[in-house]
Amino acid sequence: MRSDLRRWVVTCALLMSGLAMAEPLVGPSVGNAEALVAEGTRLYNKRRYGDASGLFLKATRANPTLLPAYLGLARSRMGAKEVHGACTAYKAYVRSAPDIQDRTKAQRELDLCERQLKAARKKKKNKVPADLTARHVELKAGFFAALEQGSLVGPDSAGEMLRTLVTEGYLGTDLAEMGNRLSAASRAATEDLHRRALAGEALPAERLRDARPLFDLARDTGAPSEAASAQLPFLEGLAALQGGDAGRAQGLFAQAATAAPGRTEYRLWRAAALQRAGDLNGALAAMEADLPDDSRTDVLRAEVARKKSPEAGARELERILFQRYPTASR
């Protein structure tokens, strides 16, 4: 059964491409749920059921705990003759709604919907979508197992499980918890990756390249990382440097330094990338502009002077040793 689930997830991942892969899954990045419900209601009242259905569906993703979105979606789908989808939305609403008048009425509407669906299956068995309830139960179990193991992106990951659920049209208030937990785990993973990189740990390039999908996943399932504008280009700069693209690396480090001017490390790495590219003068100019009093600027200045001539290098070294850092008097 597990292998079947894996094949299904991989198949769905291959089918999704381009814009679909970039679309937010759950949470505020999807949109303003209240506004979507209001506009969906307006279109429903104008009997534009198909358009209303799309907005209500989006609202269930933007805020999976907003129950009126499910009821609006169910009724819009019924109006659009999408009986199977309507039943799914009614079930999601009835499963979570408190025992109030709307719930009782919705239960009656669900009963009617299921009778229509049963009749449709008898007449057009091959044209009615299959019931994916059992598959979704397994996908949710797989999601939490992958989350527990720290598998957030890539095949068989929590991110792919959640994306498959959303793509298949799963509806439920538990999407809110799933999105929040996945977003928090993704933010924690990027923070750990950034901390280790700053500490000088030699991280493999493929691990550094995981940064972008992790930052994207945090945004697309909940709250984005506040430090992404600086941390992402820094981590991608390290990956570029490892790949031998020092020119791209220095541009990324410069972007990180602009986003977080208080981070000295980003400016140092920019100079290191320039030096790695063979532009010692550019590296020195960057260090003199950004970190003029740093001892490493003096080291680089001496090396630039030595490249000009041994005499110039010796004079610069003498200046550093006896003028910039004078011997303390006794």
Protein backbone atom coordinates (compact mmCIF):
# COMPACT_ATOMS: atom_id res chain seq x y z
CA MET A 1 0.00 0.00 0.00
CA ARG A 2 2.85 2.33 0.88
CA SER A 3 4.49 1.77 -2.51
CA ASP A 4 1.18 2.55 -4.22
CA LEU A 5 0.97 5.82 -2.33
CA ARG A 6 4.53 6.68 -3.29
CA ARG A 7 3.83 6.05 -6.97
CA TRP A 8 0.71 8.22 -6.77
CA VAL A 9 2.55 11.11 -5.13
CA VAL A 10 5.40 10.94 -7.64
CA THR A 11 2.91 10.84 -10.52
CA CYS A 12 1.10 13.92 -9.19
CA ALA A 13 4.41 15.70 -8.73
CA LEU A 14 5.37 15.01 -12.33
CA LEU A 15 2.01 16.22 -13.61
CA MET A 16 2.33 19.53 -11.77
CA SER A 17 4.69 21.99 -13.47
CA GLY A 18 5.38 25.67 -14.02
CA LEU A 19 2.85 27.94 -12.37
CA ALA A 20 1.07 25.12 -10.57
CA MET A 21 4.24 24.27 -8.68
CA ALA A 22 4.61 27.89 -7.59
CA GLU A 23 1.06 28.35 -6.33
CA PRO A 24 0.57 28.75 -2.56
CA LEU A 25 -1.05 25.75 -0.92
CA VAL A 26 -2.60 26.84 2.36
CA GLY A 27 -2.71 30.01 4.44
CA PRO A 28 -2.51 33.79 3.95
CA SER A 29 -0.42 33.56 0.78
CA VAL A 30 -3.46 32.11 -0.99
CA GLY A 31 -5.50 35.26 -0.36
CA ASN A 32 -7.90 37.00 2.02
CA ALA A 33 -10.44 34.33 2.97
CA GLU A 34 -13.12 36.75 4.19
CA ALA A 35 -12.91 38.81 1.00
CA LEU A 36 -13.04 35.66 -1.14
CA VAL A 37 -16.18 34.46 0.65
CA ALA A 38 -17.82 37.86 0.23
CA GLU A 39 -17.10 37.93 -3.51
CA GLY A 40 -18.12 34.29 -3.87
CA THR A 41 -21.44 35.04 -2.17
CA ARG A 42 -22.04 37.96 -4.51
CA LEU A 43 -21.44 35.80 -7.57
CA TYR A 44 -23.55 32.97 -6.15
CA ASN A 45 -26.47 35.36 -5.69
CA LYS A 46 -26.08 36.26 -9.38
CA ARG A 47 -26.22 32.54 -10.19
CA ARG A 48 -22.67 32.55 -11.50
CA TYR A 49 -22.10 29.24 -9.76
CA GLY A 50 -18.90 28.22 -11.50
CA ASP A 51 -17.14 31.50 -10.72
CA ALA A 52 -18.45 31.46 -7.15
CA SER A 53 -17.23 27.90 -6.69
CA GLY A 54 -13.65 28.86 -7.59
CA LEU A 55 -13.62 31.69 -5.05
CA PHE A 56 -15.10 29.59 -2.25
CA LEU A 57 -12.56 26.85 -2.93
CA LYS A 58 -9.76 29.37 -2.71
CA ALA A 59 -11.22 30.64 0.57
CA THR A 60 -11.06 27.11 2.04
CA ARG A 61 -7.33 27.14 1.26
CA ALA A 62 -6.68 30.65 2.51
CA ASN A 63 -8.31 29.81 5.84
CA PRO A 64 -9.30 26.15 6.20
CA THR A 65 -11.10 26.87 9.49
CA LEU A 66 -13.56 29.34 7.90
CA LEU A 67 -16.65 27.12 7.79
CA PRO A 68 -18.96 29.33 5.66
CA ALA A 69 -16.51 28.84 2.78
CA TYR A 70 -17.29 25.11 2.69
CA LEU A 71 -21.04 25.62 2.70
CA GLY A 72 -20.76 28.27 -0.03
CA LEU A 73 -18.57 25.92 -2.03
CA ALA A 74 -21.02 23.02 -1.64
CA ARG A 75 -24.02 25.06 -2.75
CA SER A 76 -22.13 26.65 -5.65
CA ARG A 77 -21.04 23.25 -6.89
CA MET A 78 -24.60 21.98 -6.67
CA GLY A 79 -25.73 24.99 -8.69
CA ALA A 80 -23.06 24.18 -11.27
CA LYS A 81 -24.20 20.51 -11.38
CA GLU A 82 -20.90 19.33 -9.88
CA VAL A 83 -22.58 16.80 -7.63
CA HIS A 84 -19.51 14.81 -6.61
CA GLY A 85 -17.59 17.94 -5.59
CA ALA A 86 -20.64 19.31 -3.83
CA CYS A 87 -20.94 16.20 -1.68
CA THR A 88 -17.27 16.48 -0.74
CA ALA A 89 -17.74 20.09 0.37
CA TYR A 90 -20.95 19.31 2.27
CA LYS A 91 -19.16 16.52 4.15
CA ALA A 92 -16.31 18.84 5.08
CA TYR A 93 -18.78 21.38 6.43
CA VAL A 94 -20.98 18.92 8.34
CA ARG A 95 -17.93 17.18 9.81
CA SER A 96 -16.68 20.39 11.43
CA ALA A 97 -19.68 22.69 11.91
CA PRO A 98 -21.24 23.06 15.36
CA ASP A 99 -24.74 21.71 15.93
CA ILE A 100 -26.66 24.77 14.74
CA GLN A 101 -29.48 25.40 12.32
CA ASP A 102 -27.16 25.72 9.30
CA ARG A 103 -25.62 22.34 10.07
CA THR A 104 -29.01 20.61 10.20
CA LYS A 105 -30.00 22.17 6.91
CA ALA A 106 -26.63 21.31 5.40
CA GLN A 107 -27.06 17.68 6.47
CA ARG A 108 -30.36 17.52 4.60
CA GLU A 109 -28.68 19.04 1.54
CA LEU A 110 -25.87 16.50 1.87
CA ASP A 111 -28.36 13.63 1.97
CA LEU A 112 -29.96 14.93 -1.21
CA CYS A 113 -26.54 15.38 -2.81
CA GLU A 114 -25.53 11.80 -2.00
CA ARG A 115 -28.76 10.43 -3.44
CA GLN A 116 -28.07 12.32 -6.66
CA LEU A 117 -24.50 11.07 -6.69
CA LYS A 118 -25.61 7.49 -6.19
CA ALA A 119 -28.05 7.81 -9.08
CA ALA A 120 -25.33 9.36 -11.27
CA ARG A 121 -22.98 6.46 -10.53
CA LYS A 122 -25.61 4.00 -11.66
CA LYS A 123 -26.16 5.83 -14.92
CA LYS A 124 -22.60 7.00 -15.68
CA LYS A 125 -20.35 4.81 -13.62
CA ASN A 126 -17.20 5.59 -15.57
CA LYS A 127 -17.76 9.36 -15.66
CA VAL A 128 -18.20 9.97 -11.92
CA PRO A 129 -14.91 10.65 -10.09
CA ALA A 130 -13.76 7.93 -7.73
CA ASP A 131 -14.10 8.31 -3.99
CA LEU A 132 -10.64 9.32 -2.74
CA THR A 133 -11.46 9.24 0.99
CA ALA A 134 -9.29 6.20 1.76
CA ARG A 135 -6.40 7.60 -0.30
CA HIS A 136 -6.59 10.93 1.51
CA VAL A 137 -6.52 9.23 4.90
CA GLU A 138 -3.30 7.50 3.88
CA LEU A 139 -1.84 10.67 2.44
CA LYS A 140 -2.48 12.50 5.70
CA ALA A 141 -0.83 9.71 7.66
CA GLY A 142 2.12 9.89 5.27
CA PHE A 143 2.29 13.65 5.73
CA PHE A 144 2.64 13.46 9.50
CA ALA A 145 5.13 10.59 9.27
CA ALA A 146 7.31 12.57 6.84
CA LEU A 147 7.01 15.68 9.01
CA GLU A 148 8.13 13.71 12.06
CA GLN A 149 11.15 12.45 10.12
CA GLY A 150 12.07 15.97 8.99
CA SER A 151 11.44 15.18 5.32
CA LEU A 152 9.99 18.49 4.14
CA VAL A 153 10.85 18.77 0.42
CA GLY A 154 11.44 16.29 -2.37
CA PRO A 155 9.89 12.88 -3.14
CA ASP A 156 7.82 11.30 -0.34
CA SER A 157 8.15 14.52 1.68
CA ALA A 158 5.54 16.26 3.80
CA GLY A 159 5.48 19.08 1.24
CA GLU A 160 4.66 16.73 -1.63
CA MET A 161 2.02 14.92 0.43
CA LEU A 162 0.28 18.19 1.23
CA ARG A 163 0.54 19.38 -2.37
CA THR A 164 -1.02 16.13 -3.56
CA LEU A 165 -3.91 16.50 -1.10
CA VAL A 166 -4.59 20.04 -2.29
CA THR A 167 -4.25 19.08 -5.95
CA GLU A 168 -6.69 16.22 -5.53
CA GLY A 169 -9.25 18.55 -3.96
CA TYR A 170 -9.11 17.43 -0.35
CA LEU A 171 -11.24 19.62 1.93
CA GLY A 172 -10.97 19.85 5.70
CA THR A 173 -10.20 22.17 8.57
CA ASP A 174 -7.20 19.99 9.44
CA LEU A 175 -5.39 21.55 6.47
CA ALA A 176 -4.83 24.57 8.73
CA GLU A 177 -2.85 22.53 11.25
CA MET A 178 -0.96 20.72 8.53
CA GLY A 179 -0.01 23.98 6.83
CA ASN A 180 1.01 25.69 10.07
CA ARG A 181 3.17 22.80 11.20
CA LEU A 182 4.85 22.42 7.82
CA SER A 183 5.50 26.16 7.56
CA ALA A 184 7.01 26.25 11.06
CA ALA A 185 9.20 23.23 10.32
CA SER A 186 10.40 24.82 7.07
CA ARG A 187 11.30 28.07 8.82
CA ALA A 188 13.18 26.14 11.51
CA ALA A 189 15.07 24.21 8.82
CA THR A 190 16.18 27.37 7.01
CA GLU A 191 17.26 28.97 10.29
CA ASP A 192 19.35 25.91 11.13
CA LEU A 193 20.88 25.84 7.66
CA HIS A 194 21.75 29.53 7.86
CA ARG A 195 23.23 29.20 11.36
CA ARG A 196 25.44 26.31 10.32
CA ALA A 197 26.62 28.13 7.19
CA LEU A 198 27.50 31.26 9.16
CA ALA A 199 29.43 29.13 11.65
CA GLY A 200 31.67 28.01 8.80
CA GLU A 201 30.38 24.45 8.48
CA ALA A 202 31.21 22.93 5.09
CA LEU A 203 27.71 22.18 3.84
CA PRO A 204 27.32 20.31 0.53
CA ALA A 205 25.98 22.34 -2.38
CA GLU A 206 22.86 20.19 -2.73
CA ARG A 207 22.00 20.91 0.92
CA LEU A 208 22.43 24.63 0.31
CA ARG A 209 20.21 24.41 -2.75
CA ASP A 210 17.43 23.05 -0.53
CA ALA A 211 17.14 26.56 0.90
CA ARG A 212 14.90 27.97 -1.85
CA PRO A 213 12.25 25.19 -1.77
CA LEU A 214 12.24 25.40 2.03
CA PHE A 215 11.74 29.17 2.03
CA ASP A 216 9.03 28.77 -0.64
CA LEU A 217 7.33 26.04 1.36
CA ALA A 218 7.26 28.16 4.51
CA ARG A 219 5.57 30.97 2.56
CA ASP A 220 3.17 28.73 0.65
CA THR A 221 1.88 26.89 3.72
CA GLY A 222 1.75 29.61 6.35
CA ALA A 223 3.98 32.46 7.49
CA PRO A 224 7.03 33.31 5.35
CA SER A 225 10.45 33.66 6.92
CA GLU A 226 11.10 37.29 7.80
CA ALA A 227 14.80 36.86 7.05
CA ALA A 228 14.37 35.19 3.65
CA SER A 229 15.41 38.29 1.66
CA ALA A 230 18.90 38.08 3.19
CA GLN A 231 19.35 34.44 4.13
CA LEU A 232 18.28 32.97 0.79
CA PRO A 233 20.76 34.88 -1.42
CA PHE A 234 23.51 34.19 1.12
CA LEU A 235 22.92 30.43 1.04
CA GLU A 236 22.55 30.43 -2.74
CA GLY A 237 25.75 32.45 -2.97
CA LEU A 238 27.60 29.76 -1.04
CA ALA A 239 26.20 27.12 -3.41
CA ALA A 240 27.27 29.17 -6.43
CA LEU A 241 30.75 29.61 -4.97
CA GLN A 242 31.06 25.87 -4.45
CA GLY A 243 29.98 25.37 -8.05
CA GLY A 244 32.75 27.65 -9.31
CA ASP A 245 30.49 30.57 -10.27
CA ALA A 246 32.23 33.26 -8.23
CA GLY A 247 30.69 36.08 -10.29
CA ARG A 248 27.14 35.03 -9.49
CA ALA A 249 28.15 34.35 -5.88
CA GLN A 250 29.43 37.86 -5.27
CA GLY A 251 26.20 39.31 -6.69
CA LEU A 252 24.13 37.14 -4.34
CA PHE A 253 26.30 38.07 -1.35
CA ALA A 254 25.87 41.74 -2.25
CA GLN A 255 22.10 41.22 -2.34
CA ALA A 256 22.22 39.58 1.10
CA ALA A 257 24.34 42.41 2.50
CA THR A 258 21.88 45.01 1.18
CA ALA A 259 18.95 43.18 2.78
CA ALA A 260 20.75 42.81 6.12
CA PRO A 261 23.40 45.55 6.39
CA GLY A 262 24.19 44.58 9.97
CA ARG A 263 25.54 41.19 8.92
CA THR A 264 29.29 41.59 8.50
CA GLU A 265 29.62 38.00 7.28
CA TYR A 266 27.72 38.69 4.07
CA ARG A 267 30.13 41.49 3.11
CA LEU A 268 33.12 39.33 3.91
CA TRP A 269 31.80 36.57 1.69
CA ARG A 270 31.25 39.07 -1.12
CA ALA A 271 34.90 40.07 -0.94
CA ALA A 272 35.90 36.41 -0.77
CA ALA A 273 33.92 35.73 -3.95
CA LEU A 274 35.63 38.62 -5.73
CA GLN A 275 39.00 37.31 -4.60
CA ARG A 276 38.07 33.80 -5.73
CA ALA A 277 37.22 35.22 -9.15
CA GLY A 278 40.70 36.73 -9.36
CA ASP A 279 39.57 40.32 -8.79
CA LEU A 280 41.83 41.23 -5.87
CA ASN A 281 41.43 44.95 -6.47
CA GLY A 282 37.63 44.59 -6.45
CA ALA A 283 37.80 42.54 -3.27
CA LEU A 284 39.97 45.17 -1.60
CA ALA A 285 37.68 47.99 -2.73
CA ALA A 286 34.72 46.14 -1.24
CA MET A 287 36.52 45.56 2.04
CA GLU A 288 37.75 49.15 2.27
CA ALA A 289 34.23 50.43 1.62
CA ASP A 290 32.43 48.05 3.95
CA LEU A 291 34.99 47.08 6.59
CA PRO A 292 37.85 49.61 6.51
CA ASP A 293 39.04 48.88 10.06
CA ASP A 294 38.89 45.11 9.83
CA SER A 295 42.26 43.33 10.17
CA ARG A 296 41.35 41.17 7.17
CA THR A 297 41.22 44.30 5.04
CA ASP A 298 44.87 44.92 5.96
CA VAL A 299 45.82 41.38 4.95
CA LEU A 300 44.13 41.83 1.58
CA ARG A 301 45.75 45.24 1.11
CA ALA A 302 49.18 43.71 1.70
CA GLU A 303 48.48 40.95 -0.82
CA VAL A 304 47.37 43.47 -3.45
CA ALA A 305 50.56 45.46 -2.86
CA ARG A 306 52.70 42.31 -3.13
CA LYS A 307 51.08 41.53 -6.47
CA LYS A 308 52.27 44.90 -7.74
CA SER A 309 55.85 44.35 -6.63
CA PRO A 310 57.79 42.69 -3.79
CA GLU A 311 58.92 46.14 -2.60
CA ALA A 312 55.36 47.47 -2.41
CA GLY A 313 54.31 44.36 -0.54
CA ALA A 314 57.13 44.74 1.95
CA ARG A 315 56.29 48.40 2.59
CA GLU A 316 52.61 47.57 3.16
CA LEU A 317 53.51 44.73 5.51
CA GLU A 318 55.84 47.06 7.43
CA ARG A 319 53.06 49.64 7.73
CA ILE A 320 50.64 47.04 9.09
CA LEU A 321 53.15 45.63 11.58
CA PHE A 322 54.64 48.85 12.93
CA GLN A 323 52.19 51.66 12.19
CA ARG A 324 48.69 50.28 12.17
CA TYR A 325 49.33 47.95 15.09
CA PRO A 326 52.17 49.62 17.04
CA THR A 327 53.98 47.65 19.74
CA ALA A 328 52.68 48.53 23.20
CA SER A 329 55.22 50.51 25.25
CA ARG A 330 56.39 49.04 28.54
